[in-house]
Every structure is written in structure tokens, then in C-alpha cells.
N, C-alpha and C. Protein backbone atom coordinates (compact mmCIF):
# COMPACT_ATOMS: atom_id res chain seq x y z
N MET A 1 -61.79 37.59 -39.90
CA MET A 1 -61.11 36.45 -40.42
C MET A 1 -61.35 36.19 -42.07
N ASN A 2 -60.16 35.81 -42.60
CA ASN A 2 -60.29 35.66 -44.04
C ASN A 2 -61.15 34.43 -44.20
N GLN A 3 -62.18 34.56 -45.15
CA GLN A 3 -63.18 33.50 -45.57
C GLN A 3 -62.45 32.19 -46.05
N LYS A 4 -61.50 32.22 -46.83
CA LYS A 4 -60.97 31.16 -47.58
C LYS A 4 -60.11 30.40 -46.37
N LEU A 5 -59.35 31.02 -45.49
CA LEU A 5 -58.77 30.54 -44.40
C LEU A 5 -59.70 29.81 -43.47
N VAL A 6 -60.94 30.43 -43.30
CA VAL A 6 -61.76 29.71 -42.26
C VAL A 6 -62.42 28.51 -42.97
N ILE A 7 -62.58 28.71 -44.32
CA ILE A 7 -63.13 27.30 -45.03
C ILE A 7 -62.10 26.37 -44.90
N GLN A 8 -60.84 26.57 -45.16
CA GLN A 8 -59.70 25.61 -45.05
C GLN A 8 -59.72 25.10 -43.65
N LEU A 9 -59.74 25.75 -42.59
CA LEU A 9 -59.47 25.14 -41.41
C LEU A 9 -60.96 24.55 -40.94
N ALA A 10 -62.08 25.13 -41.12
CA ALA A 10 -63.37 24.41 -40.76
C ALA A 10 -63.33 22.95 -41.36
N THR A 11 -63.10 22.87 -42.66
CA THR A 11 -63.05 21.58 -43.30
C THR A 11 -61.76 20.71 -43.17
N PHE A 12 -60.98 21.30 -42.27
CA PHE A 12 -59.63 20.65 -41.91
C PHE A 12 -58.92 20.31 -43.39
N PHE A 13 -58.73 21.31 -44.04
CA PHE A 13 -58.10 21.26 -45.24
C PHE A 13 -58.45 20.54 -46.43
N GLY A 14 -59.85 20.49 -46.43
CA GLY A 14 -60.66 19.89 -47.47
C GLY A 14 -61.24 18.50 -47.03
N ALA A 15 -60.79 17.87 -45.99
CA ALA A 15 -61.27 16.51 -45.50
C ALA A 15 -62.77 16.61 -45.40
N GLY A 16 -63.35 17.70 -45.12
CA GLY A 16 -64.95 17.87 -44.86
C GLY A 16 -65.61 18.01 -46.05
N ARG A 17 -64.93 18.17 -47.15
CA ARG A 17 -65.47 18.18 -48.52
C ARG A 17 -65.46 17.13 -49.28
N LEU A 18 -64.84 15.89 -48.83
CA LEU A 18 -64.69 14.59 -49.39
C LEU A 18 -66.14 13.89 -49.30
N PRO A 19 -66.37 13.30 -50.46
CA PRO A 19 -67.82 12.54 -50.44
C PRO A 19 -68.05 11.51 -49.45
N LYS A 20 -69.19 11.32 -49.23
CA LYS A 20 -69.64 10.23 -48.18
C LYS A 20 -68.78 10.37 -46.86
N SER A 21 -69.56 10.55 -45.54
CA SER A 21 -68.99 10.53 -44.33
C SER A 21 -67.80 11.67 -43.99
N PRO A 22 -68.09 12.94 -44.34
CA PRO A 22 -67.08 13.91 -44.06
C PRO A 22 -66.57 13.88 -42.64
N GLY A 23 -67.47 13.39 -41.59
CA GLY A 23 -66.81 13.17 -40.31
C GLY A 23 -65.82 12.14 -40.05
N THR A 24 -66.01 11.20 -40.82
CA THR A 24 -64.96 10.05 -40.78
C THR A 24 -63.70 10.39 -41.49
N TRP A 25 -63.79 11.04 -42.62
CA TRP A 25 -62.62 11.86 -43.22
C TRP A 25 -61.92 12.78 -42.43
N GLY A 26 -62.66 13.58 -41.71
CA GLY A 26 -62.14 14.62 -40.82
C GLY A 26 -61.35 13.93 -39.69
N THR A 27 -61.89 12.83 -39.13
CA THR A 27 -61.25 12.23 -38.12
C THR A 27 -60.06 11.39 -38.48
N LEU A 28 -60.09 10.73 -39.68
CA LEU A 28 -58.86 10.09 -40.33
C LEU A 28 -57.88 11.13 -40.71
N ALA A 29 -58.25 12.21 -41.15
CA ALA A 29 -57.07 13.32 -41.44
C ALA A 29 -56.51 13.89 -40.09
N THR A 30 -57.20 13.59 -38.92
CA THR A 30 -56.55 14.11 -37.70
C THR A 30 -55.45 13.16 -37.38
N ILE A 31 -55.36 12.00 -37.68
CA ILE A 31 -54.29 11.18 -37.28
C ILE A 31 -52.94 11.59 -37.40
N PRO A 32 -52.46 12.18 -38.34
CA PRO A 32 -51.16 12.71 -38.58
C PRO A 32 -50.92 13.87 -37.29
N LEU A 33 -51.98 14.68 -37.13
CA LEU A 33 -51.75 15.73 -36.23
C LEU A 33 -51.80 15.19 -34.67
N TRP A 34 -52.49 14.10 -34.47
CA TRP A 34 -52.41 13.27 -33.24
C TRP A 34 -51.05 12.74 -32.99
N TYR A 35 -50.53 12.16 -34.06
CA TYR A 35 -49.16 11.46 -33.94
C TYR A 35 -48.21 12.62 -33.56
N LEU A 36 -48.19 13.82 -34.20
CA LEU A 36 -47.21 14.67 -33.87
C LEU A 36 -47.57 15.22 -32.56
N LEU A 37 -48.84 15.55 -32.08
CA LEU A 37 -49.02 16.16 -30.67
C LEU A 37 -48.68 14.96 -29.76
N ALA A 38 -48.80 13.80 -30.05
CA ALA A 38 -48.43 12.55 -29.00
C ALA A 38 -46.92 12.57 -28.60
N GLN A 39 -46.07 13.33 -29.40
CA GLN A 39 -44.77 13.24 -28.92
C GLN A 39 -44.46 14.26 -28.01
N LEU A 40 -45.37 15.11 -27.46
CA LEU A 40 -45.37 16.01 -26.42
C LEU A 40 -45.75 15.21 -25.12
N HIS A 41 -45.41 16.03 -23.94
CA HIS A 41 -45.84 15.33 -22.62
C HIS A 41 -47.29 15.62 -22.56
N ALA A 42 -47.85 15.13 -21.50
CA ALA A 42 -49.43 15.22 -21.23
C ALA A 42 -49.77 16.73 -21.16
N ILE A 43 -49.03 17.45 -20.30
CA ILE A 43 -49.72 18.82 -20.20
C ILE A 43 -49.56 19.71 -21.39
N PRO A 44 -48.42 19.74 -22.27
CA PRO A 44 -48.52 20.39 -23.33
C PRO A 44 -49.54 19.95 -24.40
N TYR A 45 -49.80 18.57 -24.42
CA TYR A 45 -50.62 18.08 -25.33
C TYR A 45 -52.06 18.62 -25.04
N MET A 46 -52.35 18.60 -23.74
CA MET A 46 -53.77 19.07 -23.16
C MET A 46 -53.78 20.50 -23.36
N VAL A 47 -52.81 21.31 -23.34
CA VAL A 47 -52.79 22.72 -23.46
C VAL A 47 -53.32 23.08 -24.91
N VAL A 48 -52.51 22.32 -25.93
CA VAL A 48 -52.68 22.47 -27.37
C VAL A 48 -54.20 22.08 -27.68
N VAL A 49 -54.69 20.83 -27.07
CA VAL A 49 -56.00 20.61 -27.27
C VAL A 49 -57.10 21.57 -26.85
N LEU A 50 -56.81 22.05 -25.76
CA LEU A 50 -57.72 23.12 -25.22
C LEU A 50 -57.76 24.32 -26.15
N LEU A 51 -56.61 24.99 -26.51
CA LEU A 51 -56.48 25.87 -27.50
C LEU A 51 -57.23 25.70 -28.92
N LEU A 52 -57.02 24.35 -29.35
CA LEU A 52 -57.80 24.00 -30.44
C LEU A 52 -59.09 23.91 -30.35
N CYS A 53 -59.71 23.62 -29.15
CA CYS A 53 -61.02 23.63 -28.93
C CYS A 53 -61.81 25.03 -29.02
N ILE A 54 -60.88 25.97 -28.46
CA ILE A 54 -61.53 27.24 -28.45
C ILE A 54 -61.28 27.91 -29.94
N ALA A 55 -60.19 27.62 -30.62
CA ALA A 55 -60.09 27.84 -31.96
C ALA A 55 -61.19 27.32 -32.81
N ALA A 56 -61.48 25.98 -32.65
CA ALA A 56 -62.55 25.22 -33.34
C ALA A 56 -64.07 25.96 -33.29
N ILE A 57 -64.15 26.31 -31.97
CA ILE A 57 -65.49 27.14 -31.79
C ILE A 57 -65.55 28.41 -32.39
N LEU A 58 -64.40 29.18 -32.54
CA LEU A 58 -64.43 30.46 -33.30
C LEU A 58 -64.63 30.23 -34.78
N ILE A 59 -63.68 29.22 -35.32
CA ILE A 59 -63.79 28.87 -36.81
C ILE A 59 -65.17 28.33 -36.99
N ALA A 60 -65.70 27.43 -36.22
CA ALA A 60 -67.23 26.93 -36.74
C ALA A 60 -68.21 28.30 -36.68
N GLN A 61 -67.96 29.20 -35.82
CA GLN A 61 -68.91 30.31 -35.81
C GLN A 61 -68.58 31.11 -36.90
N ALA A 62 -67.39 31.40 -37.33
CA ALA A 62 -67.13 32.15 -38.56
C ALA A 62 -67.54 31.49 -39.82
N TYR A 63 -67.47 30.26 -39.84
CA TYR A 63 -67.97 29.45 -41.07
C TYR A 63 -69.58 29.56 -41.16
N GLU A 64 -70.21 29.54 -39.98
CA GLU A 64 -71.64 29.60 -40.09
C GLU A 64 -71.85 31.06 -40.37
N ASN A 65 -71.26 32.04 -40.07
CA ASN A 65 -71.43 33.53 -40.30
C ASN A 65 -71.33 33.66 -41.88
N PHE A 66 -70.41 33.10 -42.50
CA PHE A 66 -70.10 33.08 -43.83
C PHE A 66 -71.09 32.52 -44.57
N THR A 67 -71.59 31.29 -44.25
CA THR A 67 -72.34 30.43 -45.02
C THR A 67 -73.85 30.55 -44.79
N HIS A 68 -74.27 30.95 -43.46
CA HIS A 68 -75.55 31.32 -43.06
C HIS A 68 -76.20 29.81 -42.87
N THR A 69 -75.45 28.87 -42.35
CA THR A 69 -75.87 27.58 -42.02
C THR A 69 -75.47 27.27 -40.76
N HIS A 70 -76.05 26.21 -40.05
CA HIS A 70 -75.70 25.67 -38.76
C HIS A 70 -75.11 24.29 -38.98
N ASP A 71 -74.13 23.99 -38.30
CA ASP A 71 -73.48 22.64 -38.27
C ASP A 71 -73.46 21.86 -39.58
N SER A 72 -72.76 22.63 -40.60
CA SER A 72 -72.79 22.10 -41.98
C SER A 72 -71.88 20.72 -41.79
N LYS A 73 -72.15 19.81 -42.66
CA LYS A 73 -71.47 18.58 -42.68
C LYS A 73 -70.09 18.74 -43.14
N GLU A 74 -69.63 19.86 -43.79
CA GLU A 74 -68.22 20.09 -44.20
C GLU A 74 -67.42 20.51 -43.04
N ILE A 75 -67.99 21.05 -42.10
CA ILE A 75 -67.20 21.37 -40.87
C ILE A 75 -66.80 20.24 -40.14
N VAL A 76 -65.39 19.92 -40.19
CA VAL A 76 -64.87 18.71 -39.46
C VAL A 76 -63.88 19.15 -38.35
N ILE A 77 -63.68 20.50 -38.18
CA ILE A 77 -62.66 20.75 -37.06
C ILE A 77 -63.24 20.39 -35.78
N ASP A 78 -64.62 20.13 -35.51
CA ASP A 78 -64.97 19.53 -34.29
C ASP A 78 -64.61 18.04 -34.25
N GLU A 79 -64.52 17.25 -35.26
CA GLU A 79 -64.17 16.12 -35.29
C GLU A 79 -62.62 15.96 -34.92
N VAL A 80 -61.87 16.96 -35.37
CA VAL A 80 -60.50 17.06 -34.96
C VAL A 80 -60.28 16.95 -33.50
N VAL A 81 -61.09 18.11 -32.74
CA VAL A 81 -60.77 18.20 -31.25
C VAL A 81 -61.37 17.06 -30.65
N GLY A 82 -62.63 16.53 -31.13
CA GLY A 82 -63.08 15.31 -30.46
C GLY A 82 -62.27 14.25 -30.53
N PHE A 83 -61.63 13.87 -31.55
CA PHE A 83 -60.65 12.81 -31.72
C PHE A 83 -59.25 12.92 -30.85
N LEU A 84 -58.81 14.21 -30.85
CA LEU A 84 -57.63 14.39 -30.08
C LEU A 84 -57.92 14.20 -28.47
N ILE A 85 -59.29 14.68 -28.02
CA ILE A 85 -59.72 14.45 -26.67
C ILE A 85 -59.72 12.95 -26.33
N THR A 86 -60.27 12.19 -27.37
CA THR A 86 -60.35 10.76 -27.20
C THR A 86 -59.16 10.05 -26.96
N MET A 87 -58.02 10.66 -27.75
CA MET A 87 -56.77 10.05 -27.70
C MET A 87 -55.70 10.48 -26.42
N THR A 88 -56.36 11.46 -25.56
CA THR A 88 -55.67 11.74 -24.54
C THR A 88 -55.11 10.80 -23.52
N TRP A 89 -54.01 10.70 -23.16
CA TRP A 89 -53.35 9.92 -22.13
C TRP A 89 -53.37 8.47 -22.53
N LEU A 90 -53.54 8.09 -23.72
CA LEU A 90 -53.58 6.58 -24.21
C LEU A 90 -52.40 6.18 -24.88
N PRO A 91 -51.70 5.03 -24.82
CA PRO A 91 -50.46 4.74 -25.41
C PRO A 91 -50.48 4.90 -26.88
N MET A 92 -49.28 5.17 -27.34
CA MET A 92 -49.15 5.30 -28.76
C MET A 92 -49.01 3.78 -29.48
N THR A 93 -50.10 3.30 -29.55
CA THR A 93 -50.04 1.99 -30.17
C THR A 93 -51.17 1.91 -31.26
N TRP A 94 -50.98 1.01 -32.21
CA TRP A 94 -52.03 0.78 -33.27
C TRP A 94 -53.47 0.37 -32.62
N GLN A 95 -53.31 -0.30 -31.67
CA GLN A 95 -54.67 -0.78 -30.97
C GLN A 95 -55.35 0.43 -30.38
N SER A 96 -54.63 1.22 -29.70
CA SER A 96 -55.32 2.60 -29.11
C SER A 96 -55.87 3.32 -30.33
N LEU A 97 -55.09 3.45 -31.27
CA LEU A 97 -55.48 4.27 -32.48
C LEU A 97 -56.72 3.77 -33.19
N VAL A 98 -56.71 2.52 -33.29
CA VAL A 98 -57.94 1.81 -33.96
C VAL A 98 -59.23 1.91 -33.08
N ALA A 99 -58.88 1.53 -31.77
CA ALA A 99 -59.93 1.63 -30.86
C ALA A 99 -60.61 2.99 -30.71
N GLY A 100 -59.74 3.95 -30.50
CA GLY A 100 -60.22 5.33 -30.36
C GLY A 100 -60.81 5.84 -31.58
N PHE A 101 -60.45 5.53 -32.81
CA PHE A 101 -61.16 6.00 -34.01
C PHE A 101 -62.33 5.28 -34.03
N VAL A 102 -62.42 3.98 -33.93
CA VAL A 102 -63.84 3.36 -34.17
C VAL A 102 -64.80 3.81 -33.15
N LEU A 103 -64.26 3.85 -31.90
CA LEU A 103 -65.32 4.24 -30.69
C LEU A 103 -65.84 5.66 -30.88
N PHE A 104 -64.69 6.66 -31.23
CA PHE A 104 -65.13 8.08 -31.51
C PHE A 104 -66.25 8.16 -32.61
N ARG A 105 -65.93 7.47 -33.64
CA ARG A 105 -66.90 7.63 -34.88
C ARG A 105 -68.28 7.09 -34.49
N ILE A 106 -68.28 6.07 -33.62
CA ILE A 106 -69.57 5.35 -33.19
C ILE A 106 -70.25 6.45 -32.17
N VAL A 107 -69.77 6.84 -31.28
CA VAL A 107 -70.27 7.82 -30.42
C VAL A 107 -70.65 9.11 -31.18
N ASP A 108 -69.83 9.52 -32.11
CA ASP A 108 -70.28 10.89 -32.64
C ASP A 108 -71.29 10.66 -33.65
N ILE A 109 -71.57 9.38 -34.28
CA ILE A 109 -72.68 9.21 -35.19
C ILE A 109 -74.05 8.93 -34.30
N VAL A 110 -73.81 8.20 -33.39
CA VAL A 110 -75.09 7.75 -32.57
C VAL A 110 -75.56 8.81 -31.66
N LYS A 111 -74.51 9.60 -31.22
CA LYS A 111 -74.85 10.64 -30.12
C LYS A 111 -75.87 10.45 -29.07
N PRO A 112 -75.36 9.33 -28.24
CA PRO A 112 -76.32 8.85 -27.09
C PRO A 112 -76.47 10.22 -26.17
N PRO A 113 -77.47 10.03 -25.48
CA PRO A 113 -77.85 11.26 -24.47
C PRO A 113 -76.63 11.26 -23.49
N PRO A 114 -76.36 12.20 -22.96
CA PRO A 114 -76.88 13.66 -23.08
C PRO A 114 -75.96 14.34 -24.50
N ILE A 115 -75.24 13.70 -25.14
CA ILE A 115 -74.60 14.34 -26.20
C ILE A 115 -75.59 14.72 -27.32
N ARG A 116 -76.65 13.98 -27.66
CA ARG A 116 -77.64 14.30 -28.57
C ARG A 116 -78.39 15.58 -28.27
N GLN A 117 -78.67 15.86 -26.89
CA GLN A 117 -79.28 17.02 -26.34
C GLN A 117 -78.40 18.30 -26.50
N LEU A 118 -77.04 18.13 -26.45
CA LEU A 118 -76.13 19.13 -26.54
C LEU A 118 -76.20 19.50 -28.09
N ASP A 119 -76.12 18.58 -28.98
CA ASP A 119 -76.01 18.74 -30.48
C ASP A 119 -77.42 19.43 -30.69
N GLN A 120 -78.50 19.17 -30.15
CA GLN A 120 -79.70 19.67 -30.77
C GLN A 120 -80.16 21.15 -30.12
N LYS A 121 -79.59 21.35 -28.97
CA LYS A 121 -80.00 22.59 -28.12
C LYS A 121 -79.04 23.77 -28.34
N VAL A 122 -77.70 23.36 -28.44
CA VAL A 122 -76.81 24.42 -28.29
C VAL A 122 -76.42 24.93 -29.85
N LYS A 123 -76.51 26.10 -30.05
CA LYS A 123 -76.37 26.77 -31.27
C LYS A 123 -74.94 27.43 -31.51
N GLY A 124 -74.83 27.92 -32.81
CA GLY A 124 -73.59 28.54 -32.92
C GLY A 124 -72.37 27.73 -33.02
N GLY A 125 -71.18 28.46 -32.96
CA GLY A 125 -69.95 27.69 -33.12
C GLY A 125 -69.76 26.71 -31.83
N VAL A 126 -70.10 27.12 -30.52
CA VAL A 126 -70.20 26.22 -29.40
C VAL A 126 -71.11 24.84 -29.67
N GLY A 127 -72.23 25.14 -30.26
CA GLY A 127 -73.01 23.96 -30.68
C GLY A 127 -72.48 22.97 -31.56
N VAL A 128 -71.77 23.54 -32.59
CA VAL A 128 -71.11 22.72 -33.63
C VAL A 128 -69.94 21.62 -32.93
N VAL A 129 -69.43 22.41 -31.89
CA VAL A 129 -67.82 21.67 -31.23
C VAL A 129 -68.48 20.99 -30.06
N ILE A 130 -69.38 21.35 -29.26
CA ILE A 130 -69.63 20.77 -27.92
C ILE A 130 -69.98 19.39 -27.96
N ASP A 131 -70.74 18.87 -28.86
CA ASP A 131 -71.04 17.40 -28.86
C ASP A 131 -70.02 16.67 -29.31
N ASP A 132 -69.07 17.03 -29.93
CA ASP A 132 -67.68 16.35 -30.19
C ASP A 132 -66.78 16.21 -28.97
N ILE A 133 -66.80 17.44 -28.30
CA ILE A 133 -66.00 17.54 -27.00
C ILE A 133 -66.43 16.55 -26.04
N ALA A 134 -67.92 16.44 -25.94
CA ALA A 134 -68.49 15.48 -25.04
C ALA A 134 -68.10 14.05 -25.62
N ALA A 135 -68.25 13.76 -26.75
CA ALA A 135 -68.08 12.53 -27.32
C ALA A 135 -66.68 12.11 -27.04
N GLY A 136 -65.68 12.99 -27.28
CA GLY A 136 -64.34 12.75 -27.05
C GLY A 136 -64.09 12.47 -25.54
N ILE A 137 -64.71 13.05 -24.65
CA ILE A 137 -64.60 12.91 -23.21
C ILE A 137 -65.19 11.64 -22.77
N VAL A 138 -66.43 11.03 -23.36
CA VAL A 138 -66.88 9.88 -23.10
C VAL A 138 -66.01 8.70 -23.66
N CYS A 139 -65.63 8.84 -24.67
CA CYS A 139 -64.75 7.95 -25.47
C CYS A 139 -63.53 7.66 -24.55
N ASN A 140 -62.91 8.84 -24.35
CA ASN A 140 -61.62 8.77 -23.42
C ASN A 140 -61.90 8.02 -22.19
N ILE A 141 -62.86 8.33 -21.31
CA ILE A 141 -63.22 7.60 -20.11
C ILE A 141 -63.31 6.22 -20.48
N ILE A 142 -64.00 5.82 -21.46
CA ILE A 142 -64.28 4.34 -21.80
C ILE A 142 -62.81 3.68 -22.13
N LEU A 143 -62.05 4.15 -22.92
CA LEU A 143 -60.69 3.81 -23.28
C LEU A 143 -59.78 3.65 -22.07
N GLN A 144 -60.00 4.75 -21.18
CA GLN A 144 -59.03 4.70 -20.00
C GLN A 144 -59.42 3.57 -19.13
N MET A 145 -60.57 2.84 -19.07
CA MET A 145 -60.98 1.96 -18.37
C MET A 145 -60.37 0.56 -19.00
N VAL A 146 -60.55 0.71 -20.45
CA VAL A 146 -60.01 -0.47 -21.09
C VAL A 146 -58.54 -0.70 -20.83
N TYR A 147 -57.87 0.44 -20.95
CA TYR A 147 -56.48 0.44 -20.93
C TYR A 147 -55.92 0.02 -19.53
N THR A 148 -56.80 0.59 -18.67
CA THR A 148 -56.32 0.22 -17.05
C THR A 148 -56.57 -1.25 -16.65
N TYR A 149 -57.65 -1.76 -17.26
CA TYR A 149 -58.04 -3.27 -16.78
C TYR A 149 -57.86 -4.23 -17.68
N THR A 150 -57.30 -3.96 -18.90
CA THR A 150 -57.11 -5.01 -20.03
C THR A 150 -55.87 -4.74 -20.70
N PRO A 151 -55.38 -5.66 -21.55
CA PRO A 151 -54.07 -5.36 -22.26
C PRO A 151 -54.45 -5.14 -23.70
N TRP A 152 -55.77 -4.84 -23.93
CA TRP A 152 -56.21 -4.85 -25.20
C TRP A 152 -55.68 -3.64 -26.00
N LEU A 153 -55.29 -2.60 -25.41
CA LEU A 153 -54.68 -1.47 -26.25
C LEU A 153 -53.07 -1.45 -26.47
N GLY A 154 -52.59 -2.60 -26.21
CA GLY A 154 -51.15 -2.86 -26.41
C GLY A 154 -50.10 -2.48 -25.44
N ALA A 155 -49.00 -2.59 -25.58
CA ALA A 155 -47.93 -2.30 -24.49
C ALA A 155 -47.77 -0.83 -24.46
N GLN A 156 -47.72 -0.46 -23.21
CA GLN A 156 -47.47 1.00 -22.94
C GLN A 156 -46.06 1.31 -23.29
N THR A 157 -45.95 2.20 -24.37
CA THR A 157 -44.63 2.69 -24.83
C THR A 157 -44.42 4.04 -24.50
N GLN A 158 -45.40 4.83 -24.51
CA GLN A 158 -45.49 6.37 -24.13
C GLN A 158 -47.03 6.72 -23.79
N THR A 159 -47.16 7.16 -22.71
CA THR A 159 -48.44 7.62 -22.31
C THR A 159 -48.62 9.11 -22.37
N LEU A 160 -49.89 9.57 -22.95
CA LEU A 160 -50.27 11.02 -22.79
C LEU A 160 -51.03 11.25 -21.68
């Protein structure tokens, strides 16, 4: 794979190279992609996200091979897939977007168990991405409960 392409994809077109909190920038840069994918129905959305998870693992591994580093802060393709997982099946409202963004960033930064163990023990491209996949799943479960039992995520206009 072309090294320049790997760097562009791993850093999500440079978001991971922005100063201070590259993971937050990477998550923020994912919002337009989420909005586009959210126009799809649930199954195509999930298929695309699954394919992006596989691609993210391969891209992260290629980045590590080129740079000889593990889980560089510049790699934010993992935040992209984690945030897209967080937002699965949620209504397309500003409340869902803000709640998903804030919750995902908190969980990704704090890395509660067992996410922390995944981050520390799994190596390679899988290790870079797996903790964000787990964080996205945890966040989605929490947000699904909030959405089901409260009106806090806004009126349902379209659900993924």
C-alpha cells in the first residue's frame, strides 16, 4: 500500500496531525462522514462500518509498519470507526450527536476496564482499533438505553 495514502487514511486526512488532542479532532472530523452514512438504512450503515473496521485495522497495521511505532497519537482512523459504532441506530438529532461525541471521547480517554486491558495487551493494527471498537459498543449500549427510556436524545426523525 502506498505510504502517503496510508498516512492520509490513518490520520483521517490530517485530523490526527492537528495539535492537542488528535483523537478529539479525529472524532470531530468524522461527523460529516456519519451524517452521510446516516442517510442509509440500518443494514447498509452497519455493513459500511464493519468494512471500515477491517480497513482501519489494515491501515493502522500498515502505518505501524512504515513508522515502526505502536498506536501513534496521529492514528485516528480508530476514532472514526469507534464514533460510527457509537452512533449506530441513534436518531439524527443534535442531541444524539453531542451525547455520542462527548460520551465516546470520555470513554475513549478514560478507557475503563476491560477496554484498558484491550488497549494494553493487544498489539498491531488490531490493538490500535479494538479499544475504540469496544468503546463504541459500550457508548452505543448506554445511548440506546438513554434513547429508549428518556426523551433526552430528541425526537426520532430517522433511526439507524
